[in-house]
Protein backbone atom coordinates (compact mmCIF):
# COMPACT_ATOMS: atom_id res chain seq x y z
CA MET A 1 20.57 48.19 -91.01
CA SER A 2 24.12 46.99 -90.77
CA GLN A 3 27.07 48.94 -89.93
CA PRO A 4 29.21 50.23 -92.79
CA ASN A 5 32.47 48.52 -93.72
CA SER A 6 34.60 50.78 -96.21
CA ILE A 7 36.11 49.25 -99.12
CA HIS A 8 38.94 51.09 -101.05
CA ILE A 9 37.98 50.72 -104.71
CA GLY A 10 40.86 52.70 -106.06
CA HIS A 11 41.83 56.33 -106.86
CA GLY A 12 40.68 57.38 -103.36
CA GLN A 13 37.14 56.05 -104.12
CA MET A 14 35.49 54.37 -101.10
CA VAL A 15 32.39 52.12 -100.89
CA ASP A 16 30.37 51.10 -97.75
CA ILE A 17 27.75 48.34 -98.13
CA VAL A 18 24.65 48.76 -96.27
CA THR A 19 21.65 46.16 -96.08
CA ILE A 20 18.33 47.49 -96.98
CA GLY A 21 15.59 45.09 -96.07
CA THR A 22 15.76 41.34 -97.19
CA ASP A 23 16.65 41.66 -100.83
CA ALA A 24 18.79 44.57 -101.44
CA TRP A 25 21.93 46.52 -100.47
CA GLU A 26 22.88 50.15 -101.04
CA LEU A 27 26.59 50.94 -101.98
CA VAL A 28 27.61 54.27 -100.52
CA PHE A 29 30.32 55.92 -102.55
CA SER A 30 32.70 58.47 -100.99
CA GLU A 31 36.10 60.18 -101.29
CA ALA A 32 37.81 61.65 -98.33
CA GLY A 33 37.57 65.56 -98.38
CA VAL A 34 34.98 65.61 -101.01
CA ALA A 35 31.52 66.87 -99.99
CA ASP A 36 28.38 65.63 -101.84
CA TYR A 37 30.30 62.89 -103.67
CA LYS A 38 28.31 61.38 -106.61
CA ALA A 39 28.18 57.67 -107.31
CA PRO A 40 29.37 56.38 -110.68
CA PRO A 41 26.76 55.87 -113.51
CA LEU A 42 24.82 52.73 -113.13
CA ALA A 43 26.31 51.21 -116.11
CA GLU A 44 29.74 51.37 -114.53
CA VAL A 45 28.89 49.28 -111.35
CA GLU A 46 28.54 45.60 -110.95
CA VAL A 47 27.79 43.74 -107.72
CA ASP A 48 27.63 40.22 -106.93
CA ALA A 49 26.46 38.59 -103.54
CA ILE A 50 28.30 35.48 -102.51
CA ASP A 51 26.70 32.85 -100.17
CA GLY A 52 28.37 30.53 -97.55
CA SER A 53 28.74 27.68 -100.46
CA GLY A 54 30.74 30.23 -102.54
CA ARG A 55 27.96 30.48 -105.11
CA ILE A 56 27.77 33.90 -106.99
CA HIS A 57 24.51 35.87 -107.23
CA PRO A 58 24.65 38.69 -109.61
CA LEU A 59 22.48 41.70 -108.49
CA ALA A 60 20.54 44.18 -110.33
CA ILE A 61 21.76 47.74 -110.28
CA SER A 62 19.56 50.71 -109.81
CA SER A 63 19.53 54.24 -108.40
CA GLY A 64 19.92 54.51 -104.60
CA SER A 65 18.21 56.71 -102.15
CA SER A 66 20.78 59.64 -102.73
CA GLY A 67 23.10 60.84 -105.28
CA SER A 68 26.04 59.09 -103.70
CA ARG A 69 24.14 55.55 -103.45
CA VAL A 70 23.62 52.82 -105.82
CA ARG A 71 21.09 49.98 -105.11
CA ALA A 72 21.96 46.41 -105.57
CA SER A 73 18.87 44.03 -105.58
CA GLY A 74 18.43 40.28 -105.82
CA HIS A 75 19.54 37.12 -103.88
CA VAL A 76 21.37 38.73 -100.92
CA ALA A 77 19.78 36.43 -98.19
CA GLY A 78 22.56 34.15 -96.74
CA ALA A 79 25.38 36.31 -98.36
CA TYR A 80 28.49 36.79 -96.37
CA ARG A 81 30.69 38.30 -99.01
CA ALA A 82 30.34 40.84 -101.94
CA ARG A 83 32.10 41.43 -105.09
CA VAL A 84 32.16 45.04 -106.38
CA ARG A 85 33.48 46.08 -109.78
CA VAL A 86 33.64 49.72 -110.83
CA VAL A 87 34.82 51.36 -114.09
CA HIS A 88 37.48 54.10 -113.76
CA GLY A 89 37.92 55.79 -117.19
CA ASP A 90 39.42 53.20 -119.46
CA HIS A 91 39.91 50.56 -116.83
CA PHE A 92 38.08 48.95 -114.02
CA HIS A 93 38.87 47.90 -110.29
CA THR A 94 37.26 44.90 -108.66
CA ARG A 95 37.11 44.11 -104.98
CA GLU A 96 35.83 41.09 -103.08
CA SER A 97 35.25 41.69 -99.29
CA PRO A 98 33.40 40.45 -96.32
CA LEU A 99 30.03 41.90 -95.52
CA PRO A 100 29.82 43.99 -92.28
CA GLY A 101 28.92 41.64 -89.35
CA ALA A 102 28.90 38.47 -91.30
CA SER A 103 30.59 35.48 -89.77
CA ALA A 104 33.49 33.84 -91.55
CA VAL A 105 33.08 30.43 -93.26
CA ALA A 106 35.59 27.66 -92.75
CA PRO A 107 37.02 26.22 -95.87
CA ALA A 108 35.64 22.83 -96.85
CA ARG A 109 38.37 20.32 -97.33
CA GLY A 110 38.87 18.02 -100.21
CA PRO A 111 40.32 14.42 -100.11
CA SER A 112 43.81 15.59 -100.32
CA GLY A 113 43.37 18.24 -97.70
CA GLY A 114 43.09 21.23 -99.95
CA ALA A 115 40.22 23.62 -100.00
CA LEU A 116 37.13 22.38 -101.95
CA ALA A 117 34.89 24.33 -104.26
CA THR A 118 31.64 22.46 -105.12
CA PHE A 119 29.85 22.95 -108.42
CA ASP A 120 26.82 21.64 -110.07
CA ASP A 121 26.47 17.85 -111.31
CA GLY A 122 28.77 16.39 -108.62
CA LEU A 123 31.70 18.27 -109.88
CA GLY A 124 34.29 19.61 -107.42
CA ILE A 125 37.70 21.37 -107.60
CA GLU A 126 40.28 21.09 -104.94
CA VAL A 127 42.78 23.88 -104.48
CA SER A 128 46.08 22.86 -102.93
CA TRP A 129 49.39 24.60 -102.64
CA VAL A 130 52.49 23.85 -104.60
CA ASP A 131 54.77 26.63 -103.55
CA SER A 132 54.22 30.47 -102.78
CA THR A 133 53.31 31.33 -106.26
CA ARG A 134 51.42 28.23 -107.59
CA TRP A 135 48.22 26.40 -106.73
CA GLN A 136 47.22 22.86 -108.09
CA LEU A 137 43.62 22.41 -109.07
CA THR A 138 42.46 18.87 -108.80
CA PHE A 139 39.08 17.97 -110.42
CA LEU A 140 36.58 15.56 -108.75
CA ARG A 141 33.40 13.96 -109.80
CA ASP A 142 31.37 12.66 -107.00
CA GLY A 143 34.38 12.91 -104.72
CA LYS A 144 36.79 10.83 -107.03
CA PRO A 145 39.62 12.47 -109.12
CA VAL A 146 39.03 12.83 -112.93
CA SER A 147 41.18 14.26 -115.69
CA ALA A 148 41.38 17.97 -115.74
CA PRO A 149 39.61 19.98 -118.61
CA ALA A 150 41.49 22.23 -121.04
CA SER A 151 43.18 24.91 -119.26
CA THR A 152 41.23 27.52 -121.40
CA SER A 153 38.09 26.36 -119.71
CA VAL A 154 39.06 27.52 -116.23
CA ILE A 155 39.66 31.06 -114.91
CA ALA A 156 41.39 31.27 -111.58
CA GLN A 157 41.75 34.23 -109.56
CA ALA A 158 43.25 35.12 -106.05
CA VAL A 159 41.61 37.50 -103.71
CA GLY A 160 44.04 39.51 -101.52
CA PRO A 161 43.62 40.45 -97.88
CA ARG A 162 42.21 43.63 -96.39
CA ALA A 163 45.66 44.88 -96.11
CA GLU A 164 45.67 44.77 -100.18
CA ASP A 165 42.25 46.29 -100.29
CA TYR A 166 40.78 42.80 -101.32
CA GLN A 167 42.24 43.07 -104.73
CA ILE A 168 41.29 40.30 -107.34
CA ARG A 169 44.33 38.92 -109.11
CA ASN A 170 44.29 37.09 -112.32
CA LEU A 171 46.28 33.93 -112.52
CA ALA A 172 47.92 32.13 -115.17
CA THR A 173 46.44 28.54 -115.88
CA GLU A 174 48.29 25.73 -117.54
CA PRO A 175 48.26 21.87 -117.48
CA SER A 176 50.36 20.08 -115.02
CA PRO A 177 53.20 17.83 -116.11
CA THR A 178 50.99 14.68 -115.98
CA GLY A 179 47.94 16.46 -117.63
CA GLU A 180 45.72 15.26 -114.84
CA THR A 181 45.40 18.46 -112.89
CA LEU A 182 45.91 22.24 -113.69
CA ILE A 183 48.42 24.60 -112.24
CA VAL A 184 47.60 28.20 -111.51
CA GLY A 185 50.17 30.78 -110.91
CA GLY A 186 50.62 34.36 -109.79
CA LYS A 187 50.48 36.64 -106.60
CA ILE A 188 48.93 34.15 -104.16
CA LYS A 189 51.10 34.12 -101.25
CA ASP A 190 48.91 36.40 -99.15
CA ALA A 191 45.62 35.36 -100.73
CA THR A 192 42.68 34.47 -98.63
CA PHE A 193 40.18 33.37 -101.27
CA ALA A 194 40.15 31.69 -104.56
CA ARG A 195 37.57 32.48 -107.25
CA LEU A 196 37.10 29.81 -109.81
CA THR A 197 35.21 30.12 -113.13
CA LEU A 198 34.44 26.83 -114.84
CA LYS A 199 33.39 27.12 -118.56
CA THR A 200 31.10 24.17 -119.80
CA ALA A 201 28.88 23.58 -122.82
CA THR A 202 25.91 24.73 -120.75
CA GLY A 203 27.46 27.99 -119.52
CA GLU A 204 29.81 29.24 -116.74
CA GLN A 205 29.76 28.40 -113.02
CA ILE A 206 31.65 30.49 -110.48
CA ARG A 207 32.60 29.80 -106.99
CA SER A 208 34.63 31.95 -104.46
CA ILE A 209 35.99 29.82 -101.49
CA PRO A 210 38.27 30.40 -98.67
CA ILE A 211 41.68 28.80 -98.99
CA ILE A 212 43.59 26.77 -96.47
CA PRO A 213 46.83 28.66 -95.51
CA ALA A 214 50.00 27.04 -96.87
């Protein structure tokens, strides 16, 4: 059983992720000064395991071993990060953090030196810095640049550092002046990871990758 690593979800709510066996985690919910703290309803919790390639594995949510715990089961083998989303009233908070004791993964580099996210069918997206508020997304097919898809088919998010509670920040996406790449902008200056969702005719693919510092 691994050691806890507290994540501040918001409104004073904390979560520790504990590994249970080979195919499950327990999320332990707490709040400072509150005895016998109760976990949120199961329908209000979502958890993903993230493996070393950046691939996302949604987990099944069920009751944990006590009232303060929620069990997340599924493909957790090889995971080194977790995404946790919890509903708070009329809104939700999402965090993406390292797992306790997991080793960091170095960014893969694309042909232009940016961080590379690898998708199915030979597709890649290279994330490069434009300035302190913008990244450029270059699309690759079998390692060679191809024209960017419509900006509406890509969702880009930045993941903040521990000092910012691993917050996930939505970024604005627009075509570049040439139309060959996409530009995403927002609060990225201190970001440590990029989370990219690619929408295709066959569904969505999501990757979360470490970025290369500016």
